[in-house]
Amino acid sequence: MAPLNIPGSGLAKGLAVTLRTMVKKTVTAQYPDVQPHLPPRTRGVIALLEENCTVCMLCARECPDWCIYIDSHKETLPAADPNARARTRNVLDRFAIDFSLCMYCGICIEVCPFDALFWSPEFEYAETDILELTHERDKLREWMWTVPAPPALDPGAEEPKEIAAARKAAEKLIAAAAAPAPEGDAQ
């Protein structure tokens, strides 16, 4: 059997929802005065740890919006050994992100092999002019200090081999330094 279709039943249901909502107290976040509680690891803006950037350009190449601008130059380092050849390295001149184009996908952060890019929970960077949404490396560096620490490791997890080996080597050095020096022949 098909349900009875009473004329006006949809209108009555809609009015019932409206009346229930009218009597409830509204909760409005007073944003400028009261800061919102953001969950940890919130995606706000992209921060740059400039020391880790090797100017490999992976972030700019993989960005679907092409909103990352990188300029660099090559610098020649003299050889440490007279028989060795001089080395060249890239030096970062400009690193900028146009947040008016960025879609906050995080691909640049994922592809960075040297951990130079991070998510910062900073979200208050509005500008009155869209041209001012291109932030240079100085601003990106400021946001680096708002990046939260990574979550703690699982306490039941096995210790990484590298850390265990480093700890054992350090313990051996401490034990060797604490051991009494062998007495030599007194002549």
N, C-alpha and C. Protein backbone atom coordinates (compact mmCIF):
# COMPACT_ATOMS: atom_id res chain seq x y z
N MET A 1 0.84 -1.18 0.00
CA MET A 1 0.00 0.00 0.00
C MET A 1 0.88 1.24 0.00
N ALA A 2 0.48 2.23 -0.73
CA ALA A 2 1.18 3.50 -0.80
C ALA A 2 0.78 4.36 0.39
N PRO A 3 1.74 5.13 0.96
CA PRO A 3 1.39 6.00 2.09
C PRO A 3 0.41 7.08 1.65
N LEU A 4 -0.42 7.47 2.61
CA LEU A 4 -1.41 8.52 2.32
C LEU A 4 -0.69 9.84 2.10
N ASN A 5 -1.08 10.53 1.08
CA ASN A 5 -0.50 11.82 0.75
C ASN A 5 -1.50 12.89 1.10
N ILE A 6 -1.39 13.43 2.33
CA ILE A 6 -2.33 14.44 2.81
C ILE A 6 -1.83 15.80 2.32
N PRO A 7 -2.71 16.58 1.69
CA PRO A 7 -2.30 17.90 1.22
C PRO A 7 -1.88 18.79 2.40
N GLY A 8 -0.71 19.44 2.25
CA GLY A 8 -0.23 20.37 3.26
C GLY A 8 0.63 19.72 4.34
N SER A 9 0.87 18.39 4.26
CA SER A 9 1.66 17.73 5.30
C SER A 9 3.13 18.20 5.25
N GLY A 10 3.66 18.46 4.06
CA GLY A 10 5.03 18.96 3.92
C GLY A 10 5.17 20.33 4.55
N LEU A 11 4.17 21.18 4.37
CA LEU A 11 4.19 22.52 4.95
C LEU A 11 4.15 22.43 6.47
N ALA A 12 3.36 21.52 7.00
CA ALA A 12 3.25 21.36 8.46
C ALA A 12 4.57 20.89 9.05
N LYS A 13 5.26 19.94 8.36
CA LYS A 13 6.54 19.46 8.86
C LYS A 13 7.58 20.59 8.83
N GLY A 14 7.59 21.39 7.80
CA GLY A 14 8.52 22.50 7.70
C GLY A 14 8.29 23.53 8.79
N LEU A 15 7.01 23.84 9.08
CA LEU A 15 6.69 24.79 10.15
C LEU A 15 7.08 24.24 11.50
N ALA A 16 6.96 22.92 11.70
CA ALA A 16 7.35 22.31 12.97
C ALA A 16 8.85 22.46 13.21
N VAL A 17 9.64 22.27 12.16
CA VAL A 17 11.09 22.43 12.28
C VAL A 17 11.42 23.89 12.60
N THR A 18 10.73 24.80 11.95
CA THR A 18 10.97 26.23 12.19
C THR A 18 10.63 26.60 13.62
N LEU A 19 9.53 26.14 14.14
CA LEU A 19 9.12 26.46 15.51
C LEU A 19 10.09 25.87 16.53
N ARG A 20 10.56 24.63 16.29
CA ARG A 20 11.53 24.03 17.21
C ARG A 20 12.82 24.82 17.24
N THR A 21 13.27 25.31 16.08
CA THR A 21 14.51 26.06 15.99
C THR A 21 14.37 27.45 16.59
N MET A 22 13.17 28.04 16.50
CA MET A 22 12.95 29.40 17.02
C MET A 22 13.10 29.47 18.52
N VAL A 23 12.75 28.43 19.24
CA VAL A 23 12.77 28.49 20.70
C VAL A 23 14.13 28.11 21.28
N LYS A 24 15.04 27.57 20.47
CA LYS A 24 16.37 27.21 20.97
C LYS A 24 17.25 28.45 21.04
N LYS A 25 18.16 28.46 22.05
CA LYS A 25 19.10 29.56 22.20
C LYS A 25 20.18 29.45 21.13
N THR A 26 20.52 30.55 20.49
CA THR A 26 21.56 30.52 19.46
C THR A 26 22.93 30.63 20.11
N VAL A 27 23.89 29.98 19.51
CA VAL A 27 25.27 30.04 20.00
C VAL A 27 26.10 30.69 18.90
N THR A 28 26.59 31.89 19.18
CA THR A 28 27.38 32.62 18.21
C THR A 28 28.79 32.76 18.75
N ALA A 29 29.76 32.39 17.94
CA ALA A 29 31.16 32.56 18.34
C ALA A 29 31.55 34.01 18.10
N GLN A 30 31.99 34.68 19.12
CA GLN A 30 32.40 36.08 19.03
C GLN A 30 33.85 36.11 18.57
N TYR A 31 34.10 35.84 17.28
CA TYR A 31 35.42 35.55 16.75
C TYR A 31 36.53 36.54 17.09
N PRO A 32 36.44 37.80 16.80
CA PRO A 32 37.65 38.59 17.08
C PRO A 32 38.00 38.63 18.55
N ASP A 33 36.99 38.58 19.41
CA ASP A 33 37.24 38.65 20.85
C ASP A 33 37.60 37.29 21.44
N VAL A 34 36.96 36.24 20.95
CA VAL A 34 37.20 34.89 21.46
C VAL A 34 37.79 34.06 20.33
N GLN A 35 39.02 33.60 20.53
CA GLN A 35 39.68 32.79 19.50
C GLN A 35 39.04 31.40 19.44
N PRO A 36 38.86 30.87 18.24
CA PRO A 36 38.27 29.54 18.14
C PRO A 36 39.24 28.47 18.61
N HIS A 37 38.70 27.38 19.12
CA HIS A 37 39.54 26.25 19.53
C HIS A 37 39.76 25.38 18.30
N LEU A 38 40.99 25.36 17.82
CA LEU A 38 41.32 24.59 16.63
C LEU A 38 41.87 23.23 17.02
N PRO A 39 41.52 22.19 16.29
CA PRO A 39 42.09 20.88 16.59
C PRO A 39 43.59 20.87 16.31
N PRO A 40 44.35 20.00 16.98
CA PRO A 40 45.78 19.96 16.69
C PRO A 40 46.02 19.56 15.24
N ARG A 41 47.13 20.02 14.69
CA ARG A 41 47.52 19.74 13.31
C ARG A 41 46.56 20.35 12.29
N THR A 42 45.94 21.47 12.63
CA THR A 42 45.04 22.18 11.73
C THR A 42 45.81 22.71 10.53
N ARG A 43 45.22 22.64 9.35
CA ARG A 43 45.83 23.19 8.16
C ARG A 43 45.49 24.66 8.05
N GLY A 44 46.46 25.50 8.28
CA GLY A 44 46.25 26.93 8.14
C GLY A 44 46.98 27.44 6.92
N VAL A 45 48.25 27.76 7.08
CA VAL A 45 49.09 28.21 5.97
C VAL A 45 50.34 27.33 5.91
N ILE A 46 51.10 27.51 4.88
CA ILE A 46 52.32 26.71 4.69
C ILE A 46 53.50 27.52 5.21
N ALA A 47 54.28 26.90 6.10
CA ALA A 47 55.45 27.54 6.68
C ALA A 47 56.71 26.95 6.06
N LEU A 48 57.78 27.75 6.04
CA LEU A 48 59.04 27.35 5.41
C LEU A 48 60.16 27.33 6.43
N LEU A 49 60.87 26.20 6.50
CA LEU A 49 62.11 26.10 7.27
C LEU A 49 63.24 26.23 6.26
N GLU A 50 63.72 27.45 6.14
CA GLU A 50 64.63 27.82 5.05
C GLU A 50 65.94 27.03 5.07
N GLU A 51 66.43 26.65 6.25
CA GLU A 51 67.69 25.92 6.34
C GLU A 51 67.62 24.56 5.66
N ASN A 52 66.43 23.97 5.61
CA ASN A 52 66.28 22.65 5.00
C ASN A 52 66.05 22.70 3.50
N CYS A 53 65.76 23.86 2.95
CA CYS A 53 65.45 23.97 1.53
C CYS A 53 66.72 23.88 0.70
N THR A 54 66.76 22.94 -0.25
CA THR A 54 67.92 22.77 -1.13
C THR A 54 67.63 23.28 -2.53
N VAL A 55 66.51 23.95 -2.72
CA VAL A 55 66.10 24.51 -4.00
C VAL A 55 66.01 23.40 -5.06
N CYS A 56 65.41 22.28 -4.66
CA CYS A 56 65.25 21.17 -5.60
C CYS A 56 64.07 21.40 -6.53
N MET A 57 63.21 22.34 -6.20
CA MET A 57 62.06 22.76 -7.02
C MET A 57 60.94 21.71 -7.11
N LEU A 58 60.99 20.65 -6.32
CA LEU A 58 59.93 19.64 -6.38
C LEU A 58 58.59 20.24 -5.99
N CYS A 59 58.57 21.08 -4.97
CA CYS A 59 57.30 21.66 -4.52
C CYS A 59 56.67 22.51 -5.62
N ALA A 60 57.48 23.32 -6.30
CA ALA A 60 56.95 24.18 -7.36
C ALA A 60 56.50 23.37 -8.57
N ARG A 61 57.22 22.30 -8.88
CA ARG A 61 56.85 21.48 -10.04
C ARG A 61 55.58 20.68 -9.79
N GLU A 62 55.38 20.21 -8.56
CA GLU A 62 54.23 19.36 -8.25
C GLU A 62 52.97 20.16 -7.91
N CYS A 63 53.11 21.44 -7.66
CA CYS A 63 51.96 22.27 -7.27
C CYS A 63 50.96 22.35 -8.42
N PRO A 64 49.72 21.89 -8.21
CA PRO A 64 48.74 21.94 -9.30
C PRO A 64 48.30 23.36 -9.66
N ASP A 65 48.48 24.30 -8.75
CA ASP A 65 48.06 25.69 -9.00
C ASP A 65 49.20 26.59 -9.45
N TRP A 66 50.42 26.10 -9.43
CA TRP A 66 51.59 26.89 -9.79
C TRP A 66 51.65 28.18 -8.97
N CYS A 67 51.47 28.05 -7.67
CA CYS A 67 51.45 29.23 -6.82
C CYS A 67 52.74 29.41 -6.02
N ILE A 68 53.73 28.55 -6.24
CA ILE A 68 55.01 28.66 -5.53
C ILE A 68 56.05 29.23 -6.48
N TYR A 69 56.71 30.30 -6.04
CA TYR A 69 57.72 30.97 -6.85
C TYR A 69 59.08 30.84 -6.17
N ILE A 70 60.04 30.26 -6.88
CA ILE A 70 61.38 30.04 -6.32
C ILE A 70 62.42 30.61 -7.27
N ASP A 71 63.33 31.41 -6.72
CA ASP A 71 64.48 31.91 -7.47
C ASP A 71 65.73 31.51 -6.69
N SER A 72 66.78 31.15 -7.44
CA SER A 72 68.02 30.75 -6.78
C SER A 72 69.20 31.05 -7.69
N HIS A 73 70.37 30.90 -7.13
CA HIS A 73 71.59 31.00 -7.92
C HIS A 73 72.56 29.93 -7.44
N LYS A 74 73.54 29.62 -8.27
CA LYS A 74 74.55 28.61 -7.91
C LYS A 74 75.75 29.31 -7.29
N GLU A 75 76.29 28.69 -6.28
CA GLU A 75 77.45 29.22 -5.59
C GLU A 75 78.53 28.14 -5.61
N THR A 76 79.75 28.52 -5.93
CA THR A 76 80.85 27.56 -5.98
C THR A 76 81.58 27.57 -4.65
N LEU A 77 81.71 26.37 -4.08
CA LEU A 77 82.44 26.22 -2.81
C LEU A 77 83.85 25.72 -3.13
N PRO A 78 84.84 26.31 -2.53
CA PRO A 78 86.21 25.85 -2.81
C PRO A 78 86.41 24.43 -2.28
N ALA A 79 87.33 23.72 -2.91
CA ALA A 79 87.61 22.35 -2.50
C ALA A 79 88.32 22.33 -1.16
N ALA A 80 87.94 21.38 -0.31
CA ALA A 80 88.57 21.26 1.00
C ALA A 80 89.96 20.63 0.86
N ASP A 81 90.11 19.76 -0.10
CA ASP A 81 91.38 19.07 -0.35
C ASP A 81 91.98 19.63 -1.63
N PRO A 82 93.28 19.83 -1.70
CA PRO A 82 93.87 20.38 -2.93
C PRO A 82 93.67 19.49 -4.15
N ASN A 83 93.48 18.19 -3.94
CA ASN A 83 93.30 17.27 -5.06
C ASN A 83 91.83 17.14 -5.47
N ALA A 84 90.93 17.71 -4.71
CA ALA A 84 89.50 17.58 -4.99
C ALA A 84 89.04 18.72 -5.89
N ARG A 85 87.87 18.56 -6.46
CA ARG A 85 87.31 19.61 -7.31
C ARG A 85 86.36 20.49 -6.50
N ALA A 86 86.16 21.68 -6.98
CA ALA A 86 85.26 22.61 -6.31
C ALA A 86 83.82 22.12 -6.46
N ARG A 87 83.00 22.38 -5.48
CA ARG A 87 81.60 21.96 -5.48
C ARG A 87 80.70 23.17 -5.72
N THR A 88 79.54 22.90 -6.31
CA THR A 88 78.54 23.96 -6.46
C THR A 88 77.31 23.58 -5.67
N ARG A 89 76.62 24.60 -5.19
CA ARG A 89 75.37 24.36 -4.48
C ARG A 89 74.39 25.47 -4.82
N ASN A 90 73.11 25.15 -4.71
CA ASN A 90 72.07 26.13 -4.97
C ASN A 90 71.84 26.98 -3.72
N VAL A 91 71.65 28.26 -3.92
CA VAL A 91 71.37 29.19 -2.82
C VAL A 91 70.01 29.81 -3.08
N LEU A 92 69.15 29.75 -2.11
CA LEU A 92 67.79 30.26 -2.23
C LEU A 92 67.79 31.79 -2.20
N ASP A 93 67.25 32.40 -3.24
CA ASP A 93 67.12 33.85 -3.29
C ASP A 93 65.69 34.28 -2.94
N ARG A 94 64.71 33.56 -3.48
CA ARG A 94 63.31 33.92 -3.26
C ARG A 94 62.49 32.65 -3.13
N PHE A 95 61.63 32.62 -2.14
CA PHE A 95 60.64 31.55 -1.99
C PHE A 95 59.36 32.26 -1.59
N ALA A 96 58.36 32.21 -2.45
CA ALA A 96 57.10 32.89 -2.18
C ALA A 96 55.94 31.97 -2.54
N ILE A 97 54.85 32.12 -1.81
CA ILE A 97 53.63 31.36 -2.09
C ILE A 97 52.50 32.37 -2.25
N ASP A 98 51.76 32.24 -3.35
CA ASP A 98 50.61 33.10 -3.61
C ASP A 98 49.38 32.40 -3.03
N PHE A 99 48.96 32.82 -1.85
CA PHE A 99 47.83 32.18 -1.18
C PHE A 99 46.49 32.52 -1.80
N SER A 100 46.46 33.47 -2.74
CA SER A 100 45.21 33.72 -3.46
C SER A 100 44.98 32.62 -4.50
N LEU A 101 46.02 31.91 -4.89
CA LEU A 101 45.91 30.81 -5.84
C LEU A 101 45.91 29.44 -5.16
N CYS A 102 46.56 29.35 -4.01
CA CYS A 102 46.75 28.08 -3.31
C CYS A 102 45.41 27.46 -2.92
N MET A 103 45.29 26.14 -3.14
CA MET A 103 44.07 25.45 -2.74
C MET A 103 44.29 24.58 -1.51
N TYR A 104 45.45 24.73 -0.84
CA TYR A 104 45.74 24.07 0.42
C TYR A 104 45.63 22.55 0.32
N CYS A 105 46.12 22.00 -0.78
CA CYS A 105 46.06 20.55 -0.97
C CYS A 105 47.17 19.84 -0.22
N GLY A 106 48.28 20.50 0.05
CA GLY A 106 49.37 19.91 0.80
C GLY A 106 50.33 19.06 -0.02
N ILE A 107 50.18 19.07 -1.34
CA ILE A 107 51.08 18.27 -2.18
C ILE A 107 52.52 18.74 -2.02
N CYS A 108 52.74 20.04 -1.94
CA CYS A 108 54.09 20.57 -1.80
C CYS A 108 54.75 20.08 -0.51
N ILE A 109 53.99 19.98 0.55
CA ILE A 109 54.52 19.51 1.82
C ILE A 109 54.86 18.03 1.74
N GLU A 110 54.01 17.27 1.07
CA GLU A 110 54.24 15.82 0.96
C GLU A 110 55.44 15.49 0.09
N VAL A 111 55.68 16.24 -0.99
CA VAL A 111 56.77 15.89 -1.90
C VAL A 111 58.12 16.44 -1.47
N CYS A 112 58.17 17.33 -0.50
CA CYS A 112 59.44 17.92 -0.07
C CYS A 112 60.30 16.84 0.59
N PRO A 113 61.43 16.46 -0.03
CA PRO A 113 62.23 15.38 0.53
C PRO A 113 63.10 15.81 1.72
N PHE A 114 63.18 17.11 1.98
CA PHE A 114 64.07 17.60 3.02
C PHE A 114 63.33 18.24 4.19
N ASP A 115 62.03 18.06 4.27
CA ASP A 115 61.21 18.61 5.36
C ASP A 115 61.44 20.11 5.53
N ALA A 116 61.25 20.85 4.46
CA ALA A 116 61.39 22.30 4.51
C ALA A 116 60.03 22.98 4.61
N LEU A 117 58.94 22.29 4.27
CA LEU A 117 57.60 22.87 4.30
C LEU A 117 56.74 22.15 5.32
N PHE A 118 55.94 22.93 6.07
CA PHE A 118 55.09 22.38 7.12
C PHE A 118 53.74 23.10 7.13
N TRP A 119 52.73 22.44 7.69
CA TRP A 119 51.44 23.10 7.92
C TRP A 119 51.53 23.90 9.21
N SER A 120 51.14 25.13 9.16
CA SER A 120 51.04 25.97 10.35
C SER A 120 49.56 26.19 10.64
N PRO A 121 49.16 26.20 11.91
CA PRO A 121 47.75 26.43 12.21
C PRO A 121 47.34 27.90 12.10
N GLU A 122 48.26 28.76 11.73
CA GLU A 122 47.95 30.19 11.59
C GLU A 122 46.91 30.39 10.50
N PHE A 123 45.85 31.11 10.80
CA PHE A 123 44.80 31.32 9.80
C PHE A 123 44.42 32.79 9.65
N GLU A 124 44.96 33.66 10.45
CA GLU A 124 44.61 35.08 10.39
C GLU A 124 45.63 35.83 9.53
N TYR A 125 45.48 35.73 8.23
CA TYR A 125 46.41 36.42 7.33
C TYR A 125 45.65 37.13 6.22
N ALA A 126 44.46 37.56 6.51
CA ALA A 126 43.63 38.24 5.51
C ALA A 126 44.26 39.58 5.12
N GLU A 127 44.05 39.95 3.89
CA GLU A 127 44.56 41.21 3.37
C GLU A 127 43.42 41.94 2.66
N THR A 128 43.53 43.24 2.57
CA THR A 128 42.51 44.01 1.88
C THR A 128 42.72 44.00 0.37
N ASP A 129 43.96 43.74 -0.05
CA ASP A 129 44.29 43.70 -1.48
C ASP A 129 44.76 42.30 -1.83
N ILE A 130 44.21 41.72 -2.88
CA ILE A 130 44.56 40.35 -3.26
C ILE A 130 46.02 40.22 -3.66
N LEU A 131 46.64 41.29 -4.10
CA LEU A 131 48.04 41.26 -4.48
C LEU A 131 48.95 41.06 -3.27
N GLU A 132 48.47 41.38 -2.09
CA GLU A 132 49.28 41.23 -0.88
C GLU A 132 49.21 39.82 -0.30
N LEU A 133 48.50 38.91 -0.95
CA LEU A 133 48.42 37.53 -0.48
C LEU A 133 49.60 36.67 -0.96
N THR A 134 50.53 37.27 -1.70
CA THR A 134 51.76 36.57 -2.05
C THR A 134 52.75 36.85 -0.93
N HIS A 135 53.03 35.80 -0.14
CA HIS A 135 53.90 35.97 1.03
C HIS A 135 55.29 35.44 0.71
N GLU A 136 56.29 36.26 1.01
CA GLU A 136 57.69 35.93 0.75
C GLU A 136 58.25 35.07 1.89
N ARG A 137 59.50 34.66 1.74
CA ARG A 137 60.09 33.71 2.68
C ARG A 137 60.21 34.24 4.10
N ASP A 138 60.31 35.55 4.28
CA ASP A 138 60.38 36.09 5.64
C ASP A 138 59.09 35.81 6.41
N LYS A 139 57.96 36.03 5.75
CA LYS A 139 56.67 35.77 6.39
C LYS A 139 56.46 34.27 6.59
N LEU A 140 56.87 33.46 5.60
CA LEU A 140 56.73 32.01 5.72
C LEU A 140 57.60 31.48 6.86
N ARG A 141 58.76 32.11 7.09
CA ARG A 141 59.62 31.71 8.19
C ARG A 141 58.97 32.07 9.54
N GLU A 142 58.31 33.21 9.63
CA GLU A 142 57.63 33.59 10.88
C GLU A 142 56.59 32.54 11.26
N TRP A 143 55.89 32.02 10.27
CA TRP A 143 54.87 31.01 10.55
C TRP A 143 55.47 29.68 10.98
N MET A 144 56.74 29.46 10.71
CA MET A 144 57.38 28.19 11.06
C MET A 144 57.35 27.99 12.58
N TRP A 145 57.43 29.07 13.32
CA TRP A 145 57.49 28.94 14.78
C TRP A 145 56.12 28.66 15.39
N THR A 146 55.05 28.67 14.58
CA THR A 146 53.73 28.31 15.09
C THR A 146 53.39 26.85 14.78
N VAL A 147 54.28 26.15 14.09
CA VAL A 147 54.02 24.75 13.74
C VAL A 147 54.12 23.91 15.00
N PRO A 148 53.08 23.12 15.31
CA PRO A 148 53.14 22.29 16.52
C PRO A 148 54.12 21.13 16.34
N ALA A 149 54.59 20.63 17.46
CA ALA A 149 55.50 19.48 17.43
C ALA A 149 54.75 18.27 16.90
N PRO A 150 55.46 17.35 16.26
CA PRO A 150 54.77 16.16 15.76
C PRO A 150 54.20 15.33 16.91
N PRO A 151 53.18 14.52 16.65
CA PRO A 151 52.62 13.71 17.72
C PRO A 151 53.65 12.73 18.26
N ALA A 152 53.49 12.40 19.52
CA ALA A 152 54.43 11.49 20.17
C ALA A 152 54.36 10.11 19.53
N LEU A 153 55.49 9.42 19.58
CA LEU A 153 55.53 8.07 19.05
C LEU A 153 54.72 7.13 19.92
N ASP A 154 54.31 6.04 19.35
CA ASP A 154 53.56 5.03 20.10
C ASP A 154 54.47 4.47 21.19
N PRO A 155 54.05 4.52 22.46
CA PRO A 155 54.93 4.06 23.53
C PRO A 155 55.27 2.57 23.41
N GLY A 156 54.41 1.80 22.80
CA GLY A 156 54.67 0.38 22.65
C GLY A 156 55.48 0.03 21.42
N ALA A 157 55.84 1.03 20.63
CA ALA A 157 56.56 0.76 19.38
C ALA A 157 58.02 0.43 19.66
N GLU A 158 58.61 -0.26 18.73
CA GLU A 158 60.02 -0.62 18.82
C GLU A 158 60.87 0.61 18.56
N GLU A 159 61.97 0.74 19.29
CA GLU A 159 62.87 1.88 19.10
C GLU A 159 63.53 1.80 17.72
N PRO A 160 63.60 2.90 16.97
CA PRO A 160 64.26 2.86 15.66
C PRO A 160 65.71 2.40 15.79
N LYS A 161 66.19 1.66 14.80
CA LYS A 161 67.54 1.09 14.83
C LYS A 161 68.60 2.18 14.91
N GLU A 162 68.37 3.30 14.22
CA GLU A 162 69.36 4.38 14.21
C GLU A 162 69.53 4.97 15.60
N ILE A 163 68.42 5.16 16.29
CA ILE A 163 68.47 5.75 17.63
C ILE A 163 69.12 4.77 18.60
N ALA A 164 68.78 3.49 18.49
CA ALA A 164 69.37 2.48 19.37
C ALA A 164 70.88 2.41 19.17
N ALA A 165 71.34 2.44 17.92
CA ALA A 165 72.78 2.39 17.64
C ALA A 165 73.49 3.63 18.18
N ALA A 166 72.88 4.80 18.02
CA ALA A 166 73.48 6.04 18.52
C ALA A 166 73.54 6.03 20.04
N ARG A 167 72.49 5.53 20.67
CA ARG A 167 72.46 5.47 22.14
C ARG A 167 73.54 4.53 22.65
N LYS A 168 73.71 3.36 22.02
CA LYS A 168 74.74 2.41 22.45
C LYS A 168 76.14 3.00 22.28
N ALA A 169 76.37 3.71 21.18
CA ALA A 169 77.67 4.34 20.96
C ALA A 169 77.94 5.41 22.02
N ALA A 170 76.92 6.18 22.36
CA ALA A 170 77.08 7.21 23.38
C ALA A 170 77.36 6.59 24.74
N GLU A 171 76.68 5.49 25.05
CA GLU A 171 76.91 4.81 26.33
C GLU A 171 78.33 4.27 26.41
N LYS A 172 78.87 3.74 25.29
CA LYS A 172 80.24 3.24 25.28
C LYS A 172 81.23 4.38 25.52
N LEU A 173 80.99 5.54 24.89
CA LEU A 173 81.88 6.68 25.10
C LEU A 173 81.85 7.16 26.54
N ILE A 174 80.67 7.18 27.13
CA ILE A 174 80.54 7.62 28.53
C ILE A 174 81.24 6.63 29.44
N ALA A 175 81.08 5.33 29.16
CA ALA A 175 81.72 4.30 29.98
C ALA A 175 83.24 4.39 29.84
N ALA A 176 83.73 4.64 28.62
CA ALA A 176 85.17 4.75 28.41
C ALA A 176 85.73 5.98 29.11
N ALA A 177 84.99 7.06 29.13
CA ALA A 177 85.45 8.28 29.79
C ALA A 177 85.42 8.13 31.30
N ALA A 178 84.48 7.36 31.83
CA ALA A 178 84.35 7.18 33.27
C ALA A 178 85.33 6.15 33.81
N ALA A 179 85.79 5.24 32.95
CA ALA A 179 86.73 4.19 33.40
C ALA A 179 88.06 4.83 33.78
N PRO A 180 88.71 4.29 34.81
CA PRO A 180 90.00 4.88 35.20
C PRO A 180 91.03 4.63 34.09
N ALA A 181 91.89 5.58 33.91
CA ALA A 181 92.92 5.47 32.88
C ALA A 181 93.92 4.40 33.30
N PRO A 182 94.41 3.58 32.35
CA PRO A 182 95.38 2.54 32.71
C PRO A 182 96.68 3.20 33.19
N GLU A 183 97.18 2.63 34.28
CA GLU A 183 98.42 3.20 34.86
C GLU A 183 99.59 2.74 34.04
N GLY A 184 100.43 3.64 33.68
CA GLY A 184 101.62 3.33 32.89
C GLY A 184 102.81 3.09 33.79
N ASP A 185 103.91 2.76 33.21
CA ASP A 185 105.15 2.54 33.97
C ASP A 185 105.64 3.89 34.48
N ALA A 186 105.90 3.94 35.75
CA ALA A 186 106.42 5.16 36.32
C ALA A 186 107.92 5.09 36.27
N GLN A 187 108.59 5.91 35.55
CA GLN A 187 110.05 5.87 35.42
C GLN A 187 110.66 7.13 35.87
